[in-house]
């Protein structure tokens, strides 16, 4: 019953036109930043620690730009309940698409990496429609099962297959010998029980997942980064594909993990306002 009610609410909201969505987003910016001050302490702490070279005025500028974009992200995601494939294709264009397709044409298992940057949910919808080969979206299940089920239904509308992190190996074994794409959002905050490798990321010692590296070496699949960026026109994005690793077997232990995290950091530094600064990315510390 809860799942049906939530689905119905999402459907009704998704009927609202985009122009109204962005008017609402402008209003939410002032609510979130000035009145509620939603996670403002977390955002500013993350920004100051990530960019110690920047002045306080520069930090404030990035924070305000982030809070202006954040409600766009939230409300755009609510539109996905009934957005058409045509509309998705119009709002997120592909760049260097052949970088992905050439690997699939060679019958390879592509390990695609992205981040909580810009509107990565648009990327999930777009990738689900880019190829007839299976597209697996590797995700960390939410504690709220109702929300988890509803959003997975939305995310899989155009063919993407939602796979919990701990089940990805099982799925790839079934697909052995067939071309496929497995998409990892690699900038999450893992539990100590799921990860044990620290590296420097945005000037801070950071616990990271090594799943991209382990799966790529297991399948000998190339690692392709999906850089989702924002265009000048509001509500429009691009997804640029860059092959980071052609042959995983030629890389030493943890090197692939270092490479794709460094690439993510480079993107964040160029336009930091589009990263998800509200999450506590650095709450895991080394165990003594």
C-alpha atoms as a PDB file:
ATOM      1  CA  UNK A   1       0.000   0.000   0.000  1.00  0.00           C
ATOM      2  CA  UNK A   2       2.798   2.435   0.921  1.00  0.00           C
ATOM      3  CA  UNK A   3       4.605   1.625  -2.319  1.00  0.00           C
ATOM      4  CA  UNK A   4       1.487   2.301  -4.421  1.00  0.00           C
ATOM      5  CA  UNK A   5       0.812   5.571  -2.590  1.00  0.00           C
ATOM      6  CA  UNK A   6       4.377   6.786  -3.118  1.00  0.00           C
ATOM      7  CA  UNK A   7       4.272   5.790  -6.798  1.00  0.00           C
ATOM      8  CA  UNK A   8       1.016   7.697  -7.233  1.00  0.00           C
ATOM      9  CA  UNK A   9       2.439  10.828  -5.587  1.00  0.00           C
ATOM     10  CA  UNK A  10       5.514  10.685  -7.806  1.00  0.00           C
ATOM     11  CA  UNK A  11       3.342  10.288 -10.875  1.00  0.00           C
ATOM     12  CA  UNK A  12       1.235  13.325  -9.986  1.00  0.00           C
ATOM     13  CA  UNK A  13       4.309  15.446  -9.330  1.00  0.00           C
ATOM     14  CA  UNK A  14       5.892  14.287 -12.582  1.00  0.00           C
ATOM     15  CA  UNK A  15       2.954  15.777 -14.480  1.00  0.00           C
ATOM     16  CA  UNK A  16       4.106  19.278 -13.547  1.00  0.00           C
ATOM     17  CA  UNK A  17       5.820  21.131 -16.430  1.00  0.00           C
ATOM     18  CA  UNK A  18       9.543  21.863 -16.246  1.00  0.00           C
ATOM     19  CA  UNK A  19       9.023  25.648 -16.122  1.00  0.00           C
ATOM     20  CA  UNK A  20       7.023  25.234 -12.920  1.00  0.00           C
ATOM     21  CA  UNK A  21       9.629  22.817 -11.518  1.00  0.00           C
ATOM     22  CA  UNK A  22      12.339  25.461 -11.887  1.00  0.00           C
ATOM     23  CA  UNK A  23      10.203  28.190 -10.328  1.00  0.00           C
ATOM     24  CA  UNK A  24       9.743  25.885  -7.356  1.00  0.00           C
ATOM     25  CA  UNK A  25      13.476  25.152  -7.332  1.00  0.00           C
ATOM     26  CA  UNK A  26      14.313  28.873  -7.124  1.00  0.00           C
ATOM     27  CA  UNK A  27      12.012  29.148  -4.105  1.00  0.00           C
ATOM     28  CA  UNK A  28      13.555  26.054  -2.480  1.00  0.00           C
ATOM     29  CA  UNK A  29      17.031  27.535  -2.809  1.00  0.00           C
ATOM     30  CA  UNK A  30      16.134  30.337  -0.398  1.00  0.00           C
ATOM     31  CA  UNK A  31      14.384  27.905   1.955  1.00  0.00           C
ATOM     32  CA  UNK A  32      17.282  25.428   2.023  1.00  0.00           C
ATOM     33  CA  UNK A  33      20.123  27.945   2.217  1.00  0.00           C
ATOM     34  CA  UNK A  34      18.768  30.827   4.284  1.00  0.00           C
ATOM     35  CA  UNK A  35      15.905  29.436   6.383  1.00  0.00           C
ATOM     36  CA  UNK A  36      16.312  25.703   7.023  1.00  0.00           C
ATOM     37  CA  UNK A  37      20.070  25.875   6.344  1.00  0.00           C
ATOM     38  CA  UNK A  38      19.915  22.243   5.278  1.00  0.00           C
ATOM     39  CA  UNK A  39      23.176  20.507   6.233  1.00  0.00           C
ATOM     40  CA  UNK A  40      24.947  23.821   5.862  1.00  0.00           C
ATOM     41  CA  UNK A  41      27.536  22.872   8.494  1.00  0.00           C
ATOM     42  CA  UNK A  42      28.379  19.677   6.566  1.00  0.00           C
ATOM     43  CA  UNK A  43      28.600  21.472   3.213  1.00  0.00           C
ATOM     44  CA  UNK A  44      30.890  24.219   4.498  1.00  0.00           C
ATOM     45  CA  UNK A  45      33.103  21.799   6.434  1.00  0.00           C
ATOM     46  CA  UNK A  46      33.479  19.606   3.342  1.00  0.00           C
ATOM     47  CA  UNK A  47      34.295  22.598   1.124  1.00  0.00           C
ATOM     48  CA  UNK A  48      36.829  24.120   3.525  1.00  0.00           C
ATOM     49  CA  UNK A  49      38.622  20.804   3.990  1.00  0.00           C
ATOM     50  CA  UNK A  50      38.576  20.020   0.265  1.00  0.00           C
ATOM     51  CA  UNK A  51      39.836  23.444  -0.862  1.00  0.00           C
ATOM     52  CA  UNK A  52      42.108  24.838   1.868  1.00  0.00           C
ATOM     53  CA  UNK A  53      43.705  27.111  -0.726  1.00  0.00           C
ATOM     54  CA  UNK A  54      40.450  29.009  -1.318  1.00  0.00           C
ATOM     55  CA  UNK A  55      39.350  32.107   0.590  1.00  0.00           C
ATOM     56  CA  UNK A  56      36.188  32.103   2.694  1.00  0.00           C
ATOM     57  CA  UNK A  57      34.518  34.296   0.083  1.00  0.00           C
ATOM     58  CA  UNK A  58      35.295  31.697  -2.602  1.00  0.00           C
ATOM     59  CA  UNK A  59      33.919  28.922  -0.376  1.00  0.00           C
ATOM     60  CA  UNK A  60      30.683  30.860   0.136  1.00  0.00           C
ATOM     61  CA  UNK A  61      30.362  31.384  -3.630  1.00  0.00           C
ATOM     62  CA  UNK A  62      30.717  27.634  -4.315  1.00  0.00           C
ATOM     63  CA  UNK A  63      28.253  26.814  -1.530  1.00  0.00           C
ATOM     64  CA  UNK A  64      25.611  29.182  -2.903  1.00  0.00           C
ATOM     65  CA  UNK A  65      26.049  27.790  -6.418  1.00  0.00           C
ATOM     66  CA  UNK A  66      25.661  24.292  -5.002  1.00  0.00           C
ATOM     67  CA  UNK A  67      22.478  25.198  -3.115  1.00  0.00           C
ATOM     68  CA  UNK A  68      21.068  26.774  -6.291  1.00  0.00           C
ATOM     69  CA  UNK A  69      21.690  23.547  -8.207  1.00  0.00           C
ATOM     70  CA  UNK A  70      20.693  21.100  -5.439  1.00  0.00           C
ATOM     71  CA  UNK A  71      16.896  21.667  -5.646  1.00  0.00           C
ATOM     72  CA  UNK A  72      17.115  21.385  -9.453  1.00  0.00           C
ATOM     73  CA  UNK A  73      18.619  17.930  -8.929  1.00  0.00           C
ATOM     74  CA  UNK A  74      15.957  16.856  -6.437  1.00  0.00           C
ATOM     75  CA  UNK A  75      13.005  18.044  -8.494  1.00  0.00           C
ATOM     76  CA  UNK A  76      14.351  16.786 -11.822  1.00  0.00           C
ATOM     77  CA  UNK A  77      14.663  13.317 -10.313  1.00  0.00           C
ATOM     78  CA  UNK A  78      10.991  13.400  -9.297  1.00  0.00           C
ATOM     79  CA  UNK A  79      10.097  13.993 -12.970  1.00  0.00           C
ATOM     80  CA  UNK A  80      11.556  10.629 -13.967  1.00  0.00           C
ATOM     81  CA  UNK A  81       8.408   8.727 -12.999  1.00  0.00           C
ATOM     82  CA  UNK A  82       6.830   9.426 -16.392  1.00  0.00           C
ATOM     83  CA  UNK A  83       9.457  11.258 -18.441  1.00  0.00           C
ATOM     84  CA  UNK A  84       9.611   9.972 -22.015  1.00  0.00           C
ATOM     85  CA  UNK A  85      12.628   8.382 -23.656  1.00  0.00           C
ATOM     86  CA  UNK A  86      12.569  11.209 -26.212  1.00  0.00           C
ATOM     87  CA  UNK A  87      12.722  13.830 -23.466  1.00  0.00           C
ATOM     88  CA  UNK A  88      15.621  12.065 -21.735  1.00  0.00           C
ATOM     89  CA  UNK A  89      17.559  11.830 -24.990  1.00  0.00           C
ATOM     90  CA  UNK A  90      16.961  15.541 -25.581  1.00  0.00           C
ATOM     91  CA  UNK A  91      18.040  16.603 -22.104  1.00  0.00           C
ATOM     92  CA  UNK A  92      21.245  14.552 -21.846  1.00  0.00           C
ATOM     93  CA  UNK A  93      23.353  14.246 -24.979  1.00  0.00           C
ATOM     94  CA  UNK A  94      26.180  11.775 -25.482  1.00  0.00           C
ATOM     95  CA  UNK A  95      29.784  12.685 -26.235  1.00  0.00           C
ATOM     96  CA  UNK A  96      32.396  10.189 -27.460  1.00  0.00           C
ATOM     97  CA  UNK A  97      29.730   7.487 -27.402  1.00  0.00           C
ATOM     98  CA  UNK A  98      31.957   5.288 -29.545  1.00  0.00           C
ATOM     99  CA  UNK A  99      34.312   4.882 -26.576  1.00  0.00           C
ATOM    100  CA  UNK A 100      31.643   2.719 -24.992  1.00  0.00           C
ATOM    101  CA  UNK A 101      30.334   1.017 -28.098  1.00  0.00           C
ATOM    102  CA  UNK A 102      33.715  -0.108 -29.429  1.00  0.00           C
ATOM    103  CA  UNK A 103      34.265  -2.191 -26.291  1.00  0.00           C
ATOM    104  CA  UNK A 104      30.834  -3.771 -26.594  1.00  0.00           C
ATOM    105  CA  UNK A 105      31.486  -4.539 -30.255  1.00  0.00           C
ATOM    106  CA  UNK A 106      34.584  -6.424 -29.068  1.00  0.00           C
ATOM    107  CA  UNK A 107      32.311  -8.534 -26.835  1.00  0.00           C
ATOM    108  CA  UNK A 108      33.729  -7.063 -23.611  1.00  0.00           C
ATOM    109  CA  UNK A 109      32.285  -6.464 -20.174  1.00  0.00           C
ATOM    110  CA  UNK A 110      32.505  -2.695 -19.729  1.00  0.00           C
ATOM    111  CA  UNK A 111      32.995  -1.356 -16.211  1.00  0.00           C
ATOM    112  CA  UNK A 112      31.499   2.139 -16.303  1.00  0.00           C
ATOM    113  CA  UNK A 113      32.295   4.554 -13.477  1.00  0.00           C
ATOM    114  CA  UNK A 114      30.516   7.759 -12.541  1.00  0.00           C
ATOM    115  CA  UNK A 115      30.025   9.941  -9.460  1.00  0.00           C
ATOM    116  CA  UNK A 116      27.330  11.773  -7.520  1.00  0.00           C
ATOM    117  CA  UNK A 117      27.950  14.685  -9.822  1.00  0.00           C
ATOM    118  CA  UNK A 118      25.444  16.830 -11.727  1.00  0.00           C
ATOM    119  CA  UNK A 119      22.325  14.770 -12.401  1.00  0.00           C
ATOM    120  CA  UNK A 120      23.679  11.224 -12.413  1.00  0.00           C
ATOM    121  CA  UNK A 121      20.082   9.926 -12.434  1.00  0.00           C
ATOM    122  CA  UNK A 122      19.711  11.263 -15.989  1.00  0.00           C
ATOM    123  CA  UNK A 123      22.759   9.171 -16.794  1.00  0.00           C
ATOM    124  CA  UNK A 124      21.091   6.027 -15.449  1.00  0.00           C
ATOM    125  CA  UNK A 125      18.072   6.588 -17.704  1.00  0.00           C
ATOM    126  CA  UNK A 126      20.214   7.447 -20.730  1.00  0.00           C
ATOM    127  CA  UNK A 127      22.545   4.471 -20.315  1.00  0.00           C
ATOM    128  CA  UNK A 128      19.587   2.126 -20.064  1.00  0.00           C
ATOM    129  CA  UNK A 129      18.616   3.121 -23.593  1.00  0.00           C
ATOM    130  CA  UNK A 130      22.052   3.377 -25.214  1.00  0.00           C
ATOM    131  CA  UNK A 131      22.561  -0.285 -26.128  1.00  0.00           C
ATOM    132  CA  UNK A 132      20.713  -3.578 -26.406  1.00  0.00           C
ATOM    133  CA  UNK A 133      23.431  -5.214 -24.304  1.00  0.00           C
ATOM    134  CA  UNK A 134      22.518  -5.628 -20.602  1.00  0.00           C
ATOM    135  CA  UNK A 135      23.176  -2.463 -18.568  1.00  0.00           C
ATOM    136  CA  UNK A 136      23.603  -3.225 -14.866  1.00  0.00           C
ATOM    137  CA  UNK A 137      23.344  -0.323 -12.404  1.00  0.00           C
ATOM    138  CA  UNK A 138      25.232  -1.324  -9.266  1.00  0.00           C
ATOM    139  CA  UNK A 139      23.697   0.375  -6.251  1.00  0.00           C
ATOM    140  CA  UNK A 140      23.710   0.416  -2.463  1.00  0.00           C
ATOM    141  CA  UNK A 141      20.192  -0.519  -1.249  1.00  0.00           C
ATOM    142  CA  UNK A 142      18.411   2.047   0.929  1.00  0.00           C
ATOM    143  CA  UNK A 143      17.337   1.175   4.450  1.00  0.00           C
ATOM    144  CA  UNK A 144      13.774   2.215   3.563  1.00  0.00           C
ATOM    145  CA  UNK A 145      12.571  -0.700   1.439  1.00  0.00           C
ATOM    146  CA  UNK A 146       9.516   1.130   0.101  1.00  0.00           C
ATOM    147  CA  UNK A 147      11.520   4.058  -1.278  1.00  0.00           C
ATOM    148  CA  UNK A 148      14.159   1.641  -2.562  1.00  0.00           C
ATOM    149  CA  UNK A 149      11.607  -0.370  -4.542  1.00  0.00           C
ATOM    150  CA  UNK A 150       9.847   2.674  -5.979  1.00  0.00           C
ATOM    151  CA  UNK A 151      13.037   4.356  -7.134  1.00  0.00           C
ATOM    152  CA  UNK A 152      14.406   1.161  -8.621  1.00  0.00           C
ATOM    153  CA  UNK A 153      11.221   0.846 -10.662  1.00  0.00           C
ATOM    154  CA  UNK A 154      11.743   4.397 -11.921  1.00  0.00           C
ATOM    155  CA  UNK A 155      15.420   3.870 -12.676  1.00  0.00           C
ATOM    156  CA  UNK A 156      14.783   0.708 -14.678  1.00  0.00           C
ATOM    157  CA  UNK A 157      12.077   2.194 -16.943  1.00  0.00           C
ATOM    158  CA  UNK A 158      14.320   2.233 -20.022  1.00  0.00           C
ATOM    159  CA  UNK A 159      15.979  -1.133 -19.626  1.00  0.00           C
ATOM    160  CA  UNK A 160      18.596  -0.670 -16.912  1.00  0.00           C
ATOM    161  CA  UNK A 161      18.882  -3.587 -14.480  1.00  0.00           C
ATOM    162  CA  UNK A 162      19.272  -2.557 -10.837  1.00  0.00           C
ATOM    163  CA  UNK A 163      21.750  -4.823  -9.044  1.00  0.00           C
ATOM    164  CA  UNK A 164      22.641  -4.578  -5.325  1.00  0.00           C
ATOM    165  CA  UNK A 165      26.389  -4.261  -4.803  1.00  0.00           C
ATOM    166  CA  UNK A 166      26.746  -7.643  -3.149  1.00  0.00           C
ATOM    167  CA  UNK A 167      25.051  -9.422  -6.074  1.00  0.00           C
ATOM    168  CA  UNK A 168      27.060  -7.998  -8.988  1.00  0.00           C
ATOM    169  CA  UNK A 169      29.478 -10.944  -9.265  1.00  0.00           C
ATOM    170  CA  UNK A 170      26.563 -13.389  -9.494  1.00  0.00           C
ATOM    171  CA  UNK A 171      24.999 -11.369 -12.317  1.00  0.00           C
ATOM    172  CA  UNK A 172      28.252 -11.063 -14.244  1.00  0.00           C
ATOM    173  CA  UNK A 173      28.878 -14.810 -14.001  1.00  0.00           C
ATOM    174  CA  UNK A 174      25.517 -15.356 -15.713  1.00  0.00           C
ATOM    175  CA  UNK A 175      26.526 -12.903 -18.451  1.00  0.00           C
ATOM    176  CA  UNK A 176      29.982 -14.402 -19.008  1.00  0.00           C
ATOM    177  CA  UNK A 177      30.901 -14.356 -22.693  1.00  0.00           C
ATOM    178  CA  UNK A 178      28.324 -11.678 -23.527  1.00  0.00           C
ATOM    179  CA  UNK A 179      28.927  -7.913 -23.866  1.00  0.00           C
ATOM    180  CA  UNK A 180      27.468  -5.863 -21.023  1.00  0.00           C
ATOM    181  CA  UNK A 181      27.860  -2.603 -19.096  1.00  0.00           C
ATOM    182  CA  UNK A 182      28.119  -2.456 -15.304  1.00  0.00           C
ATOM    183  CA  UNK A 183      27.769   1.064 -13.902  1.00  0.00           C
ATOM    184  CA  UNK A 184      29.337   1.963 -10.546  1.00  0.00           C
ATOM    185  CA  UNK A 185      28.826   5.232  -8.654  1.00  0.00           C
ATOM    186  CA  UNK A 186      32.249   5.148  -7.047  1.00  0.00           C
ATOM    187  CA  UNK A 187      32.273   8.147  -4.688  1.00  0.00           C
ATOM    188  CA  UNK A 188      30.137   6.706  -1.906  1.00  0.00           C
ATOM    189  CA  UNK A 189      31.139   6.476   1.757  1.00  0.00           C
ATOM    190  CA  UNK A 190      31.686   2.743   2.380  1.00  0.00           C
ATOM    191  CA  UNK A 191      31.493   0.866   5.647  1.00  0.00           C
ATOM    192  CA  UNK A 192      34.722  -0.474   7.145  1.00  0.00           C
ATOM    193  CA  UNK A 193      33.297  -3.954   6.639  1.00  0.00           C
ATOM    194  CA  UNK A 194      33.036  -3.301   2.877  1.00  0.00           C
ATOM    195  CA  UNK A 195      36.339  -1.486   2.262  1.00  0.00           C
ATOM    196  CA  UNK A 196      39.796  -1.174   3.760  1.00  0.00           C
ATOM    197  CA  UNK A 197      41.713   1.047   1.358  1.00  0.00           C
ATOM    198  CA  UNK A 198      42.444   4.717   2.024  1.00  0.00           C
ATOM    199  CA  UNK A 199      43.753   7.255  -0.474  1.00  0.00           C
ATOM    200  CA  UNK A 200      43.986  11.030  -0.643  1.00  0.00           C
ATOM    201  CA  UNK A 201      40.905  12.528  -2.256  1.00  0.00           C
ATOM    202  CA  UNK A 202      40.290  16.287  -2.225  1.00  0.00           C
ATOM    203  CA  UNK A 203      43.093  16.844   0.301  1.00  0.00           C
ATOM    204  CA  UNK A 204      41.683  14.313   2.760  1.00  0.00           C
ATOM    205  CA  UNK A 205      42.413  10.713   3.643  1.00  0.00           C
ATOM    206  CA  UNK A 206      39.407   8.867   2.236  1.00  0.00           C
ATOM    207  CA  UNK A 207      38.107   5.334   2.599  1.00  0.00           C
ATOM    208  CA  UNK A 208      37.089   4.095  -0.866  1.00  0.00           C
ATOM    209  CA  UNK A 209      35.506   1.095  -2.501  1.00  0.00           C
ATOM    210  CA  UNK A 210      37.787  -1.072  -4.612  1.00  0.00           C
ATOM    211  CA  UNK A 211      34.935  -2.856  -6.377  1.00  0.00           C
ATOM    212  CA  UNK A 212      35.584  -1.216  -9.755  1.00  0.00           C
ATOM    213  CA  UNK A 213      39.137  -2.534  -9.748  1.00  0.00           C
ATOM    214  CA  UNK A 214      38.222  -6.007  -8.504  1.00  0.00           C
ATOM    215  CA  UNK A 215      35.392  -6.468 -11.023  1.00  0.00           C
ATOM    216  CA  UNK A 216      37.418  -5.095 -13.932  1.00  0.00           C
ATOM    217  CA  UNK A 217      40.284  -7.497 -13.180  1.00  0.00           C
ATOM    218  CA  UNK A 218      37.891 -10.396 -12.692  1.00  0.00           C
ATOM    219  CA  UNK A 219      36.238  -9.786 -16.081  1.00  0.00           C
ATOM    220  CA  UNK A 220      39.261  -8.211 -17.795  1.00  0.00           C
ATOM    221  CA  UNK A 221      36.820  -5.457 -18.728  1.00  0.00           C
ATOM    222  CA  UNK A 222      37.876  -1.926 -19.710  1.00  0.00           C
ATOM    223  CA  UNK A 223      37.086   0.895 -17.261  1.00  0.00           C
ATOM    224  CA  UNK A 224      35.154   3.755 -18.871  1.00  0.00           C
ATOM    225  CA  UNK A 225      34.347   6.955 -16.987  1.00  0.00           C
ATOM    226  CA  UNK A 226      30.925   8.526 -17.583  1.00  0.00           C
ATOM    227  CA  UNK A 227      31.369  12.238 -16.947  1.00  0.00           C
ATOM    228  CA  UNK A 228      27.926  13.776 -16.554  1.00  0.00           C
ATOM    229  CA  UNK A 229      28.198  17.544 -16.828  1.00  0.00           C
ATOM    230  CA  UNK A 230      25.764  20.433 -16.954  1.00  0.00           C
ATOM    231  CA  UNK A 231      25.193  22.454 -20.096  1.00  0.00           C
ATOM    232  CA  UNK A 232      24.655  26.197 -20.094  1.00  0.00           C
ATOM    233  CA  UNK A 233      20.898  25.806 -20.555  1.00  0.00           C
ATOM    234  CA  UNK A 234      19.173  24.860 -17.321  1.00  0.00           C
ATOM    235  CA  UNK A 235      17.983  21.276 -17.148  1.00  0.00           C
ATOM    236  CA  UNK A 236      20.288  20.040 -19.919  1.00  0.00           C
ATOM    237  CA  UNK A 237      23.329  17.799 -19.481  1.00  0.00           C
ATOM    238  CA  UNK A 238      25.937  15.801 -21.358  1.00  0.00           C
ATOM    239  CA  UNK A 239      27.512  12.421 -20.727  1.00  0.00           C
ATOM    240  CA  UNK A 240      31.081  12.129 -21.978  1.00  0.00           C
ATOM    241  CA  UNK A 241      32.737   8.707 -22.145  1.00  0.00           C
ATOM    242  CA  UNK A 242      36.473   8.358 -21.472  1.00  0.00           C
ATOM    243  CA  UNK A 243      38.305   5.044 -21.413  1.00  0.00           C
ATOM    244  CA  UNK A 244      40.594   5.108 -18.376  1.00  0.00           C
ATOM    245  CA  UNK A 245      41.750   1.487 -18.491  1.00  0.00           C
ATOM    246  CA  UNK A 246      42.014  -0.673 -21.595  1.00  0.00           C
ATOM    247  CA  UNK A 247      43.658  -3.769 -20.088  1.00  0.00           C
ATOM    248  CA  UNK A 248      43.140  -4.158 -16.305  1.00  0.00           C
ATOM    249  CA  UNK A 249      45.615  -7.047 -16.077  1.00  0.00           C
ATOM    250  CA  UNK A 250      48.526  -4.704 -16.813  1.00  0.00           C
ATOM    251  CA  UNK A 251      47.918  -2.556 -13.701  1.00  0.00           C
ATOM    252  CA  UNK A 252      49.320  -3.120 -10.225  1.00  0.00           C
ATOM    253  CA  UNK A 253      47.255  -3.540  -7.082  1.00  0.00           C
ATOM    254  CA  UNK A 254      45.090  -0.475  -6.240  1.00  0.00           C
ATOM    255  CA  UNK A 255      46.373   1.454  -9.284  1.00  0.00           C
ATOM    256  CA  UNK A 256      43.002   1.339 -11.071  1.00  0.00           C
ATOM    257  CA  UNK A 257      41.294   2.592  -7.901  1.00  0.00           C
ATOM    258  CA  UNK A 258      43.729   5.499  -7.735  1.00  0.00           C
ATOM    259  CA  UNK A 259      43.227   6.374 -11.414  1.00  0.00           C
ATOM    260  CA  UNK A 260      39.427   6.579 -11.462  1.00  0.00           C
ATOM    261  CA  UNK A 261      39.311   8.467  -8.148  1.00  0.00           C
ATOM    262  CA  UNK A 262      41.881  10.960  -9.438  1.00  0.00           C
ATOM    263  CA  UNK A 263      39.770  11.461 -12.571  1.00  0.00           C
ATOM    264  CA  UNK A 264      36.696  12.090 -10.412  1.00  0.00           C
ATOM    265  CA  UNK A 265      38.604  14.630  -8.321  1.00  0.00           C
ATOM    266  CA  UNK A 266      39.757  16.487 -11.423  1.00  0.00           C
ATOM    267  CA  UNK A 267      36.140  16.869 -12.589  1.00  0.00           C
ATOM    268  CA  UNK A 268      35.005  18.083  -9.164  1.00  0.00           C
ATOM    269  CA  UNK A 269      37.784  20.666  -8.982  1.00  0.00           C
ATOM    270  CA  UNK A 270      36.804  22.132 -12.343  1.00  0.00           C
ATOM    271  CA  UNK A 271      33.172  22.802 -11.319  1.00  0.00           C
ATOM    272  CA  UNK A 272      32.775  21.932  -7.620  1.00  0.00           C
ATOM    273  CA  UNK A 273      29.212  23.258  -7.306  1.00  0.00           C
ATOM    274  CA  UNK A 274      27.802  20.134  -8.978  1.00  0.00           C
ATOM    275  CA  UNK A 275      29.111  17.531  -6.511  1.00  0.00           C
ATOM    276  CA  UNK A 276      26.923  16.239  -3.683  1.00  0.00           C
ATOM    277  CA  UNK A 277      28.489  18.154  -0.776  1.00  0.00           C
ATOM    278  CA  UNK A 278      25.664  17.377   1.657  1.00  0.00           C
ATOM    279  CA  UNK A 279      26.828  13.827   2.368  1.00  0.00           C
ATOM    280  CA  UNK A 280      29.374  13.009   5.085  1.00  0.00           C
ATOM    281  CA  UNK A 281      31.959  11.630   2.694  1.00  0.00           C
ATOM    282  CA  UNK A 282      34.795  11.579   5.223  1.00  0.00           C
ATOM    283  CA  UNK A 283      33.129  10.125   8.302  1.00  0.00           C
ATOM    284  CA  UNK A 284      35.148   6.884   8.121  1.00  0.00           C
ATOM    285  CA  UNK A 285      38.576   7.095   9.742  1.00  0.00           C
ATOM    286  CA  UNK A 286      41.427   4.623   9.973  1.00  0.00           C
ATOM    287  CA  UNK A 287      40.997   2.113  12.736  1.00  0.00           C
ATOM    288  CA  UNK A 288      43.776   2.214  15.301  1.00  0.00           C
END
